[in-house]
Amino acid sequence: MAARKQTAVNPVAGLEQQLAALKTQLAKARAAHAADAQKSIAGLVKEAAKAGAALKAAQGKVAAAGKKKTPGSAKLVSSAKAEVASAKKVADAAKAAVANAKKEVAAIKSANKLAAAHDKAVAKAEGAVAKRLKAADKKTAAKNKVAAKKAAVKAKLAAKKSAAKKKAADKKQALKAKVAAKKAAAKKKVADKKASLRAKAAAKKAAVKAKSAAKRTAAAAKKAAAKPAAKKAAVKKAPAAKTAVAKKAPAAAAKKAVAKKAPAAKKAVAKKAPAAKKASPAAKRGRKPKAAAPAAPAA
């Protein structure tokens, strides 16, 4: 668009240039017209002079013919008078032509003078208008400069306000994020504390359960130690179990496992034997002790 505006022709400027060229041509044409009219006057003056000379010559002939006293002198005089009249008419016509030409030249000069004065006045008016337009353009440029300065100040203030608002919004957002993080940390802390308490309670319950299971196991061991009959039955059944194990060759691994576990069981029974004399927790609570289950026969 910028290139198009630069290359575009301004019709007003073009017409003004054409008008200036036409004014120059008109002034030259007026001067040439006045010069031609002046030249024509010079020619008419020469013709008038010739006509005057011819009239004088004709008048001289009339005078010369009047001096002669011959029979034919009357004819000569009348002929000379006719020439004088004709010469006079030509001279009068030449004088009138010169006068008319002078009047025309005067009119042309007057018109040229008026046109020059008009052109001068127009040029002066155009100069005044151009001066006013220049002053108006200068005033407009100053106003535009002030307006642009005000717009720049407003834009700067708007940018400053926008930056301040953005800074405040960012600060508020940061505070919100900080508060949210603090709340999340507090919630996590509470959740971790609750989880720790739950784990502690679960561990405590597991420990209580393990303790009660150990107590039950100890009570069962005490009951087993307190019944020698059950022990004897188990001892009697042991050879039969050994025989069965010896017969079954694929069960050799089971036999080894039983042989390995037997000393450990004997040691446990030997350790817990002194405690068998004490009453079991069920007996203390007034409950009857459960009958010991008969030992399962070895496969």
C-alpha atoms as a PDB file:
ATOM      1  CA  MET A   1       0.000   0.000   0.000  1.00  0.00           C
ATOM      2  CA  ALA A   2       2.855   2.397   0.820  1.00  0.00           C
ATOM      3  CA  ALA A   3       4.478   1.854  -2.582  1.00  0.00           C
ATOM      4  CA  ARG A   4       1.128   2.311  -4.274  1.00  0.00           C
ATOM      5  CA  LYS A   5       0.568   5.624  -2.457  1.00  0.00           C
ATOM      6  CA  GLN A   6       4.019   6.836  -3.440  1.00  0.00           C
ATOM      7  CA  THR A   7       3.541   6.014  -7.127  1.00  0.00           C
ATOM      8  CA  ALA A   8      -0.087   7.282  -7.273  1.00  0.00           C
ATOM      9  CA  VAL A   9      -0.597  10.563  -9.232  1.00  0.00           C
ATOM     10  CA  ASN A  10      -2.190  13.481  -7.407  1.00  0.00           C
ATOM     11  CA  PRO A  11      -4.792  14.938  -9.836  1.00  0.00           C
ATOM     12  CA  VAL A  12      -4.908  18.332  -8.066  1.00  0.00           C
ATOM     13  CA  ALA A  13      -1.129  18.767  -8.295  1.00  0.00           C
ATOM     14  CA  GLY A  14      -1.232  17.745 -11.974  1.00  0.00           C
ATOM     15  CA  LEU A  15      -3.968  20.283 -12.756  1.00  0.00           C
ATOM     16  CA  GLU A  16      -2.100  23.009 -10.871  1.00  0.00           C
ATOM     17  CA  GLN A  17       0.986  22.330 -12.966  1.00  0.00           C
ATOM     18  CA  GLN A  18      -1.096  22.444 -16.156  1.00  0.00           C
ATOM     19  CA  LEU A  19      -2.698  25.717 -15.017  1.00  0.00           C
ATOM     20  CA  ALA A  20       0.718  27.281 -14.357  1.00  0.00           C
ATOM     21  CA  ALA A  21       1.896  26.187 -17.828  1.00  0.00           C
ATOM     22  CA  LEU A  22      -1.274  27.622 -19.420  1.00  0.00           C
ATOM     23  CA  LYS A  23      -0.793  30.914 -17.568  1.00  0.00           C
ATOM     24  CA  THR A  24       2.747  31.145 -18.912  1.00  0.00           C
ATOM     25  CA  GLN A  25       1.534  30.385 -22.452  1.00  0.00           C
ATOM     26  CA  LEU A  26      -1.259  33.002 -22.094  1.00  0.00           C
ATOM     27  CA  ALA A  27       1.204  35.689 -21.012  1.00  0.00           C
ATOM     28  CA  LYS A  28       3.445  34.876 -23.979  1.00  0.00           C
ATOM     29  CA  ALA A  29       0.440  34.925 -26.345  1.00  0.00           C
ATOM     30  CA  ARG A  30      -0.666  38.316 -25.011  1.00  0.00           C
ATOM     31  CA  ALA A  31       2.815  39.778 -25.494  1.00  0.00           C
ATOM     32  CA  ALA A  32       3.005  38.328 -29.033  1.00  0.00           C
ATOM     33  CA  HIS A  33      -0.463  39.704 -29.816  1.00  0.00           C
ATOM     34  CA  ALA A  34       0.544  43.189 -28.666  1.00  0.00           C
ATOM     35  CA  ALA A  35       3.774  42.981 -30.697  1.00  0.00           C
ATOM     36  CA  ASP A  36       1.898  41.888 -33.801  1.00  0.00           C
ATOM     37  CA  ALA A  37      -0.597  44.734 -33.378  1.00  0.00           C
ATOM     38  CA  GLN A  38       2.260  47.198 -32.987  1.00  0.00           C
ATOM     39  CA  LYS A  39       3.909  45.852 -36.149  1.00  0.00           C
ATOM     40  CA  SER A  40       0.647  46.188 -38.062  1.00  0.00           C
ATOM     41  CA  ILE A  41       0.437  49.835 -36.960  1.00  0.00           C
ATOM     42  CA  ALA A  42       3.905  50.450 -38.369  1.00  0.00           C
ATOM     43  CA  GLY A  43       2.821  48.999 -41.725  1.00  0.00           C
ATOM     44  CA  LEU A  44      -0.395  51.019 -41.723  1.00  0.00           C
ATOM     45  CA  VAL A  45       1.556  54.182 -40.914  1.00  0.00           C
ATOM     46  CA  LYS A  46       3.816  53.524 -43.917  1.00  0.00           C
ATOM     47  CA  GLU A  47       0.778  52.993 -46.138  1.00  0.00           C
ATOM     48  CA  ALA A  48      -0.778  56.212 -44.788  1.00  0.00           C
ATOM     49  CA  ALA A  49       2.441  58.053 -45.521  1.00  0.00           C
ATOM     50  CA  LYS A  50       2.426  56.732 -49.077  1.00  0.00           C
ATOM     51  CA  ALA A  51      -1.239  57.763 -49.460  1.00  0.00           C
ATOM     52  CA  GLY A  52      -0.393  61.229 -48.113  1.00  0.00           C
ATOM     53  CA  ALA A  53       2.501  61.516 -50.570  1.00  0.00           C
ATOM     54  CA  ALA A  54       0.188  60.443 -53.406  1.00  0.00           C
ATOM     55  CA  LEU A  55      -2.370  63.053 -52.294  1.00  0.00           C
ATOM     56  CA  LYS A  56       0.260  65.762 -52.235  1.00  0.00           C
ATOM     57  CA  ALA A  57       1.444  64.717 -55.691  1.00  0.00           C
ATOM     58  CA  ALA A  58      -2.148  64.835 -56.974  1.00  0.00           C
ATOM     59  CA  GLN A  59      -2.621  68.264 -55.410  1.00  0.00           C
ATOM     60  CA  GLY A  60       0.611  69.403 -57.058  1.00  0.00           C
ATOM     61  CA  LYS A  61      -0.707  68.223 -60.449  1.00  0.00           C
ATOM     62  CA  VAL A  62      -3.926  70.193 -59.872  1.00  0.00           C
ATOM     63  CA  ALA A  63      -1.923  73.310 -59.124  1.00  0.00           C
ATOM     64  CA  ALA A  64       0.298  72.784 -62.155  1.00  0.00           C
ATOM     65  CA  ALA A  65      -2.724  72.149 -64.416  1.00  0.00           C
ATOM     66  CA  GLY A  66      -4.440  75.319 -63.113  1.00  0.00           C
ATOM     67  CA  LYS A  67      -1.442  77.446 -64.061  1.00  0.00           C
ATOM     68  CA  LYS A  68      -1.611  76.382 -67.698  1.00  0.00           C
ATOM     69  CA  LYS A  69      -3.880  78.445 -69.938  1.00  0.00           C
ATOM     70  CA  THR A  70      -4.494  75.944 -72.686  1.00  0.00           C
ATOM     71  CA  PRO A  71      -7.756  74.551 -74.109  1.00  0.00           C
ATOM     72  CA  GLY A  72      -7.005  71.153 -72.591  1.00  0.00           C
ATOM     73  CA  SER A  73      -5.987  72.495 -69.208  1.00  0.00           C
ATOM     74  CA  ALA A  74      -9.542  72.298 -67.933  1.00  0.00           C
ATOM     75  CA  LYS A  75      -9.548  68.551 -68.553  1.00  0.00           C
ATOM     76  CA  LEU A  76      -6.184  68.170 -66.861  1.00  0.00           C
ATOM     77  CA  VAL A  77      -7.428  70.089 -63.857  1.00  0.00           C
ATOM     78  CA  SER A  78     -10.569  67.990 -63.573  1.00  0.00           C
ATOM     79  CA  SER A  79      -8.519  64.796 -63.963  1.00  0.00           C
ATOM     80  CA  ALA A  80      -6.022  66.000 -61.330  1.00  0.00           C
ATOM     81  CA  LYS A  81      -8.883  66.882 -59.014  1.00  0.00           C
ATOM     82  CA  ALA A  82     -10.309  63.387 -59.440  1.00  0.00           C
ATOM     83  CA  GLU A  83      -6.906  61.918 -58.557  1.00  0.00           C
ATOM     84  CA  VAL A  84      -6.738  64.187 -55.509  1.00  0.00           C
ATOM     85  CA  ALA A  85     -10.163  63.024 -54.367  1.00  0.00           C
ATOM     86  CA  SER A  86      -9.186  59.373 -54.849  1.00  0.00           C
ATOM     87  CA  ALA A  87      -5.833  59.945 -53.103  1.00  0.00           C
ATOM     88  CA  LYS A  88      -7.623  61.736 -50.310  1.00  0.00           C
ATOM     89  CA  LYS A  89      -9.983  58.807 -49.830  1.00  0.00           C
ATOM     90  CA  VAL A  90      -7.028  56.387 -49.703  1.00  0.00           C
ATOM     91  CA  ALA A  91      -5.158  58.664 -47.299  1.00  0.00           C
ATOM     92  CA  ASP A  92      -8.236  59.036 -45.082  1.00  0.00           C
ATOM     93  CA  ALA A  93      -8.742  55.268 -45.131  1.00  0.00           C
ATOM     94  CA  ALA A  94      -5.077  54.734 -44.243  1.00  0.00           C
ATOM     95  CA  LYS A  95      -5.333  57.290 -41.420  1.00  0.00           C
ATOM     96  CA  ALA A  96      -8.502  55.593 -40.134  1.00  0.00           C
ATOM     97  CA  ALA A  97      -6.800  52.201 -40.294  1.00  0.00           C
ATOM     98  CA  VAL A  98      -3.847  53.586 -38.349  1.00  0.00           C
ATOM     99  CA  ALA A  99      -6.190  55.105 -35.778  1.00  0.00           C
ATOM    100  CA  ASN A 100      -8.144  51.867 -35.448  1.00  0.00           C
ATOM    101  CA  ALA A 101      -4.923  49.899 -35.152  1.00  0.00           C
ATOM    102  CA  LYS A 102      -3.700  52.280 -32.457  1.00  0.00           C
ATOM    103  CA  LYS A 103      -7.014  51.888 -30.599  1.00  0.00           C
ATOM    104  CA  GLU A 104      -6.744  48.106 -30.893  1.00  0.00           C
ATOM    105  CA  VAL A 105      -3.161  48.153 -29.619  1.00  0.00           C
ATOM    106  CA  ALA A 106      -4.246  50.393 -26.741  1.00  0.00           C
ATOM    107  CA  ALA A 107      -7.093  48.004 -25.951  1.00  0.00           C
ATOM    108  CA  ILE A 108      -4.717  45.040 -26.111  1.00  0.00           C
ATOM    109  CA  LYS A 109      -2.238  46.780 -23.852  1.00  0.00           C
ATOM    110  CA  SER A 110      -4.993  47.718 -21.438  1.00  0.00           C
ATOM    111  CA  ALA A 111      -6.327  44.149 -21.424  1.00  0.00           C
ATOM    112  CA  ASN A 112      -2.815  42.816 -20.934  1.00  0.00           C
ATOM    113  CA  LYS A 113      -2.294  45.278 -18.112  1.00  0.00           C
ATOM    114  CA  LEU A 114      -5.558  44.226 -16.461  1.00  0.00           C
ATOM    115  CA  ALA A 115      -4.704  40.567 -16.984  1.00  0.00           C
ATOM    116  CA  ALA A 116      -1.263  41.116 -15.470  1.00  0.00           C
ATOM    117  CA  ALA A 117      -2.828  42.929 -12.514  1.00  0.00           C
ATOM    118  CA  HIS A 118      -5.349  40.108 -12.176  1.00  0.00           C
ATOM    119  CA  ASP A 119      -2.612  37.510 -12.351  1.00  0.00           C
ATOM    120  CA  LYS A 120      -0.642  39.453  -9.785  1.00  0.00           C
ATOM    121  CA  ALA A 121      -3.668  39.674  -7.490  1.00  0.00           C
ATOM    122  CA  VAL A 122      -4.407  35.975  -7.999  1.00  0.00           C
ATOM    123  CA  ALA A 123      -0.780  35.109  -7.273  1.00  0.00           C
ATOM    124  CA  LYS A 124      -0.905  37.294  -4.166  1.00  0.00           C
ATOM    125  CA  ALA A 125      -4.171  35.677  -3.052  1.00  0.00           C
ATOM    126  CA  GLU A 126      -2.765  32.237  -3.791  1.00  0.00           C
ATOM    127  CA  GLY A 127       0.339  33.145  -1.800  1.00  0.00           C
ATOM    128  CA  ALA A 128      -1.847  34.264   1.100  1.00  0.00           C
ATOM    129  CA  VAL A 129      -3.899  31.075   0.829  1.00  0.00           C
ATOM    130  CA  ALA A 130      -0.724  29.000   0.646  1.00  0.00           C
ATOM    131  CA  LYS A 131       0.590  30.867   3.684  1.00  0.00           C
ATOM    132  CA  ARG A 132      -2.660  30.203   5.560  1.00  0.00           C
ATOM    133  CA  LEU A 133      -2.600  26.576   4.488  1.00  0.00           C
ATOM    134  CA  LYS A 134       1.004  26.298   5.603  1.00  0.00           C
ATOM    135  CA  ALA A 135       0.117  27.872   8.964  1.00  0.00           C
ATOM    136  CA  ALA A 136      -2.879  25.536   9.236  1.00  0.00           C
ATOM    137  CA  ASP A 137      -0.684  22.566   8.372  1.00  0.00           C
ATOM    138  CA  LYS A 138       1.850  23.702  10.937  1.00  0.00           C
ATOM    139  CA  LYS A 139      -0.915  24.083  13.527  1.00  0.00           C
ATOM    140  CA  THR A 140      -2.332  20.677  12.627  1.00  0.00           C
ATOM    141  CA  ALA A 141       1.138  19.142  12.839  1.00  0.00           C
ATOM    142  CA  ALA A 142       1.613  20.724  16.272  1.00  0.00           C
ATOM    143  CA  LYS A 143      -1.800  19.416  17.380  1.00  0.00           C
ATOM    144  CA  ASN A 144      -0.979  15.992  16.018  1.00  0.00           C
ATOM    145  CA  LYS A 145       2.356  16.074  17.823  1.00  0.00           C
ATOM    146  CA  VAL A 146       0.638  17.019  21.109  1.00  0.00           C
ATOM    147  CA  ALA A 147      -2.033  14.361  20.519  1.00  0.00           C
ATOM    148  CA  ALA A 148       0.650  11.767  19.786  1.00  0.00           C
ATOM    149  CA  LYS A 149       2.525  12.800  22.933  1.00  0.00           C
ATOM    150  CA  LYS A 150      -0.682  12.519  24.987  1.00  0.00           C
ATOM    151  CA  ALA A 151      -1.460   9.147  23.405  1.00  0.00           C
ATOM    152  CA  ALA A 152       2.069   7.953  24.227  1.00  0.00           C
ATOM    153  CA  VAL A 153       1.673   9.130  27.841  1.00  0.00           C
ATOM    154  CA  LYS A 154      -1.733   7.428  28.072  1.00  0.00           C
ATOM    155  CA  ALA A 155      -0.317   4.252  26.567  1.00  0.00           C
ATOM    156  CA  LYS A 156       2.596   4.371  29.021  1.00  0.00           C
ATOM    157  CA  LEU A 157       0.206   4.853  31.966  1.00  0.00           C
ATOM    158  CA  ALA A 158      -2.030   2.055  30.665  1.00  0.00           C
ATOM    159  CA  ALA A 159       0.985  -0.228  30.325  1.00  0.00           C
ATOM    160  CA  LYS A 160       2.124   0.727  33.827  1.00  0.00           C
ATOM    161  CA  LYS A 161      -1.347   0.035  35.244  1.00  0.00           C
ATOM    162  CA  SER A 162      -1.528  -3.248  33.351  1.00  0.00           C
ATOM    163  CA  ALA A 163       1.896  -4.242  34.692  1.00  0.00           C
ATOM    164  CA  ALA A 164       0.838  -3.292  38.233  1.00  0.00           C
ATOM    165  CA  LYS A 165      -2.395  -5.291  37.875  1.00  0.00           C
ATOM    166  CA  LYS A 166      -0.459  -8.259  36.501  1.00  0.00           C
ATOM    167  CA  LYS A 167       2.048  -7.999  39.341  1.00  0.00           C
ATOM    168  CA  ALA A 168      -0.764  -7.868  41.910  1.00  0.00           C
ATOM    169  CA  ALA A 169      -2.529 -10.792  40.226  1.00  0.00           C
ATOM    170  CA  ASP A 170       0.724 -12.780  40.174  1.00  0.00           C
ATOM    171  CA  LYS A 171       1.322 -11.953  43.839  1.00  0.00           C
ATOM    172  CA  LYS A 172      -2.232 -12.975  44.723  1.00  0.00           C
ATOM    173  CA  GLN A 173      -1.836 -16.162  42.695  1.00  0.00           C
ATOM    174  CA  ALA A 174       1.472 -16.886  44.430  1.00  0.00           C
ATOM    175  CA  LEU A 175      -0.143 -16.317  47.834  1.00  0.00           C
ATOM    176  CA  LYS A 176      -3.040 -18.586  46.865  1.00  0.00           C
ATOM    177  CA  ALA A 177      -0.592 -21.233  45.674  1.00  0.00           C
ATOM    178  CA  LYS A 178       1.415 -20.855  48.905  1.00  0.00           C
ATOM    179  CA  VAL A 179      -1.750 -21.168  51.021  1.00  0.00           C
ATOM    180  CA  ALA A 180      -2.885 -24.145  48.922  1.00  0.00           C
ATOM    181  CA  ALA A 181       0.540 -25.773  49.309  1.00  0.00           C
ATOM    182  CA  LYS A 182       0.443 -25.093  53.053  1.00  0.00           C
ATOM    183  CA  LYS A 183      -3.047 -26.620  53.285  1.00  0.00           C
ATOM    184  CA  ALA A 184      -1.956 -29.600  51.186  1.00  0.00           C
ATOM    185  CA  ALA A 185       1.121 -30.044  53.415  1.00  0.00           C
ATOM    186  CA  ALA A 186      -1.073 -29.841  56.533  1.00  0.00           C
ATOM    187  CA  LYS A 187      -3.535 -32.333  55.037  1.00  0.00           C
ATOM    188  CA  LYS A 188      -0.650 -34.638  54.093  1.00  0.00           C
ATOM    189  CA  LYS A 189       0.799 -34.303  57.583  1.00  0.00           C
ATOM    190  CA  VAL A 190      -2.568 -35.157  59.121  1.00  0.00           C
ATOM    191  CA  ALA A 191      -3.013 -38.032  56.673  1.00  0.00           C
ATOM    192  CA  ASP A 192       0.520 -39.304  57.413  1.00  0.00           C
ATOM    193  CA  LYS A 193      -0.169 -39.007  61.142  1.00  0.00           C
ATOM    194  CA  LYS A 194      -3.450 -40.892  60.745  1.00  0.00           C
ATOM    195  CA  ALA A 195      -1.715 -43.537  58.627  1.00  0.00           C
ATOM    196  CA  SER A 196       1.065 -43.796  61.237  1.00  0.00           C
ATOM    197  CA  LEU A 197      -1.501 -44.160  64.016  1.00  0.00           C
ATOM    198  CA  ARG A 198      -3.389 -46.749  62.004  1.00  0.00           C
ATOM    199  CA  ALA A 199      -0.165 -48.655  61.304  1.00  0.00           C
ATOM    200  CA  LYS A 200       0.780 -48.402  64.979  1.00  0.00           C
ATOM    201  CA  ALA A 201      -2.655 -49.663  66.007  1.00  0.00           C
ATOM    202  CA  ALA A 202      -2.468 -52.445  63.437  1.00  0.00           C
ATOM    203  CA  ALA A 203       1.024 -53.389  64.676  1.00  0.00           C
ATOM    204  CA  LYS A 204      -0.258 -53.285  68.248  1.00  0.00           C
ATOM    205  CA  LYS A 205      -3.215 -55.513  67.309  1.00  0.00           C
ATOM    206  CA  ALA A 206      -0.875 -57.865  65.454  1.00  0.00           C
ATOM    207  CA  ALA A 207       1.418 -57.988  68.473  1.00  0.00           C
ATOM    208  CA  VAL A 208      -1.543 -58.690  70.772  1.00  0.00           C
ATOM    209  CA  LYS A 209      -2.736 -61.389  68.391  1.00  0.00           C
ATOM    210  CA  ALA A 210       0.769 -62.907  68.236  1.00  0.00           C
ATOM    211  CA  LYS A 211       1.043 -62.739  72.000  1.00  0.00           C
ATOM    212  CA  SER A 212      -2.328 -64.443  72.454  1.00  0.00           C
ATOM    213  CA  ALA A 213      -1.348 -67.064  69.869  1.00  0.00           C
ATOM    214  CA  ALA A 214       1.911 -67.664  71.723  1.00  0.00           C
ATOM    215  CA  LYS A 215      -0.011 -67.977  74.951  1.00  0.00           C
ATOM    216  CA  ARG A 216      -2.368 -70.451  73.346  1.00  0.00           C
ATOM    217  CA  THR A 217       0.570 -72.431  71.986  1.00  0.00           C
ATOM    218  CA  ALA A 218       2.213 -72.456  75.413  1.00  0.00           C
ATOM    219  CA  ALA A 219      -1.039 -73.585  77.020  1.00  0.00           C
ATOM    220  CA  ALA A 220      -1.383 -76.375  74.473  1.00  0.00           C
ATOM    221  CA  ALA A 221       2.207 -77.455  75.166  1.00  0.00           C
ATOM    222  CA  LYS A 222       1.530 -77.460  78.887  1.00  0.00           C
ATOM    223  CA  LYS A 223      -1.550 -79.602  78.371  1.00  0.00           C
ATOM    224  CA  ALA A 224       0.446 -81.997  76.217  1.00  0.00           C
ATOM    225  CA  ALA A 225       3.159 -82.270  78.866  1.00  0.00           C
ATOM    226  CA  ALA A 226       0.566 -82.803  81.610  1.00  0.00           C
ATOM    227  CA  LYS A 227      -0.821 -85.912  79.946  1.00  0.00           C
ATOM    228  CA  PRO A 228       1.798 -88.745  80.054  1.00  0.00           C
ATOM    229  CA  ALA A 229      -0.723 -91.173  78.631  1.00  0.00           C
ATOM    230  CA  ALA A 230      -0.893 -89.245  75.462  1.00  0.00           C
ATOM    231  CA  LYS A 231       2.898 -89.170  75.413  1.00  0.00           C
ATOM    232  CA  LYS A 232       3.127 -92.951  75.928  1.00  0.00           C
ATOM    233  CA  ALA A 233       0.604 -93.555  73.160  1.00  0.00           C
ATOM    234  CA  ALA A 234       2.678 -91.407  70.926  1.00  0.00           C
ATOM    235  CA  VAL A 235       5.830 -93.373  71.914  1.00  0.00           C
ATOM    236  CA  LYS A 236       4.103 -96.676  71.218  1.00  0.00           C
ATOM    237  CA  LYS A 237       2.886 -95.549  67.857  1.00  0.00           C
ATOM    238  CA  ALA A 238       6.324 -94.376  66.883  1.00  0.00           C
ATOM    239  CA  PRO A 239       7.749 -97.880  65.992  1.00  0.00           C
ATOM    240  CA  ALA A 240       4.725 -98.580  63.834  1.00  0.00           C
ATOM    241  CA  ALA A 241       5.251 -95.283  62.092  1.00  0.00           C
ATOM    242  CA  LYS A 242       8.947 -96.069  61.623  1.00  0.00           C
ATOM    243  CA  THR A 243       8.042 -99.448  60.095  1.00  0.00           C
ATOM    244  CA  ALA A 244       5.595 -97.842  57.748  1.00  0.00           C
ATOM    245  CA  VAL A 245       8.169 -95.270  56.794  1.00  0.00           C
ATOM    246  CA  ALA A 246      10.797 -97.967  56.211  1.00  0.00           C
ATOM    247  CA  LYS A 247       8.422 -99.852  53.960  1.00  0.00           C
ATOM    248  CA  LYS A 248       7.660 -96.791  51.876  1.00  0.00           C
ATOM    249  CA  ALA A 249      10.923 -95.946  50.114  1.00  0.00           C
ATOM    250  CA  PRO A 250       9.663 -92.778  48.342  1.00  0.00           C
ATOM    251  CA  ALA A 251       8.894 -91.233  51.804  1.00  0.00           C
ATOM    252  CA  ALA A 252      12.577 -91.164  52.877  1.00  0.00           C
ATOM    253  CA  ALA A 253      12.674 -87.373  52.836  1.00  0.00           C
ATOM    254  CA  ALA A 254       9.693 -87.205  55.190  1.00  0.00           C
ATOM    255  CA  LYS A 255      11.456 -89.603  57.565  1.00  0.00           C
ATOM    256  CA  LYS A 256      14.555 -87.381  57.621  1.00  0.00           C
ATOM    257  CA  ALA A 257      12.427 -84.349  58.354  1.00  0.00           C
ATOM    258  CA  VAL A 258      10.681 -86.170  61.246  1.00  0.00           C
ATOM    259  CA  ALA A 259      14.057 -87.355  62.587  1.00  0.00           C
ATOM    260  CA  LYS A 260      15.411 -83.776  62.453  1.00  0.00           C
ATOM    261  CA  LYS A 261      12.342 -82.274  64.143  1.00  0.00           C
ATOM    262  CA  ALA A 262      12.178 -84.896  66.924  1.00  0.00           C
ATOM    263  CA  PRO A 263      15.095 -83.509  69.007  1.00  0.00           C
ATOM    264  CA  ALA A 264      13.733 -79.994  68.692  1.00  0.00           C
ATOM    265  CA  ALA A 265      10.302 -81.189  69.888  1.00  0.00           C
ATOM    266  CA  LYS A 266      11.878 -83.079  72.787  1.00  0.00           C
ATOM    267  CA  LYS A 267      13.852 -79.986  73.791  1.00  0.00           C
ATOM    268  CA  ALA A 268      10.699 -77.839  73.677  1.00  0.00           C
ATOM    269  CA  VAL A 269       8.809 -80.376  75.790  1.00  0.00           C
ATOM    270  CA  ALA A 270      11.724 -80.626  78.235  1.00  0.00           C
ATOM    271  CA  LYS A 271      11.893 -76.819  78.582  1.00  0.00           C
ATOM    272  CA  LYS A 272       8.179 -76.401  79.051  1.00  0.00           C
ATOM    273  CA  ALA A 273       7.819 -79.382  81.494  1.00  0.00           C
ATOM    274  CA  PRO A 274       8.426 -77.322  84.667  1.00  0.00           C
ATOM    275  CA  ALA A 275       5.690 -74.931  83.606  1.00  0.00           C
ATOM    276  CA  ALA A 276       3.190 -77.767  83.174  1.00  0.00           C
ATOM    277  CA  LYS A 277       2.525 -77.813  86.883  1.00  0.00           C
ATOM    278  CA  LYS A 278       1.052 -74.317  86.743  1.00  0.00           C
ATOM    279  CA  ALA A 279      -2.623 -74.079  85.979  1.00  0.00           C
ATOM    280  CA  SER A 280      -3.535 -73.034  82.485  1.00  0.00           C
ATOM    281  CA  PRO A 281      -5.231 -69.633  81.883  1.00  0.00           C
ATOM    282  CA  ALA A 282      -8.444 -71.436  81.077  1.00  0.00           C
ATOM    283  CA  ALA A 283      -8.332 -73.308  84.399  1.00  0.00           C
ATOM    284  CA  LYS A 284      -7.723 -70.050  86.263  1.00  0.00           C
ATOM    285  CA  ARG A 285     -10.764 -68.531  84.595  1.00  0.00           C
ATOM    286  CA  GLY A 286     -12.864 -71.484  85.737  1.00  0.00           C
ATOM    287  CA  ARG A 287     -13.016 -73.215  82.364  1.00  0.00           C
ATOM    288  CA  LYS A 288     -12.423 -76.891  81.841  1.00  0.00           C
ATOM    289  CA  PRO A 289      -9.275 -77.685  79.940  1.00  0.00           C
ATOM    290  CA  LYS A 290      -9.801 -79.052  76.523  1.00  0.00           C
ATOM    291  CA  ALA A 291      -8.935 -82.726  75.959  1.00  0.00           C
ATOM    292  CA  ALA A 292      -5.734 -83.184  74.045  1.00  0.00           C
ATOM    293  CA  ALA A 293      -6.325 -84.343  70.556  1.00  0.00           C
ATOM    294  CA  PRO A 294      -4.904 -87.826  69.844  1.00  0.00           C
ATOM    295  CA  ALA A 295      -1.753 -87.734  67.761  1.00  0.00           C
ATOM    296  CA  ALA A 296      -2.350 -88.473  64.143  1.00  0.00           C
ATOM    297  CA  PRO A 297      -0.792 -91.697  63.002  1.00  0.00           C
ATOM    298  CA  ALA A 298       2.252 -91.267  60.827  1.00  0.00           C
ATOM    299  CA  ALA A 299       1.620 -91.883  57.193  1.00  0.00           C
END
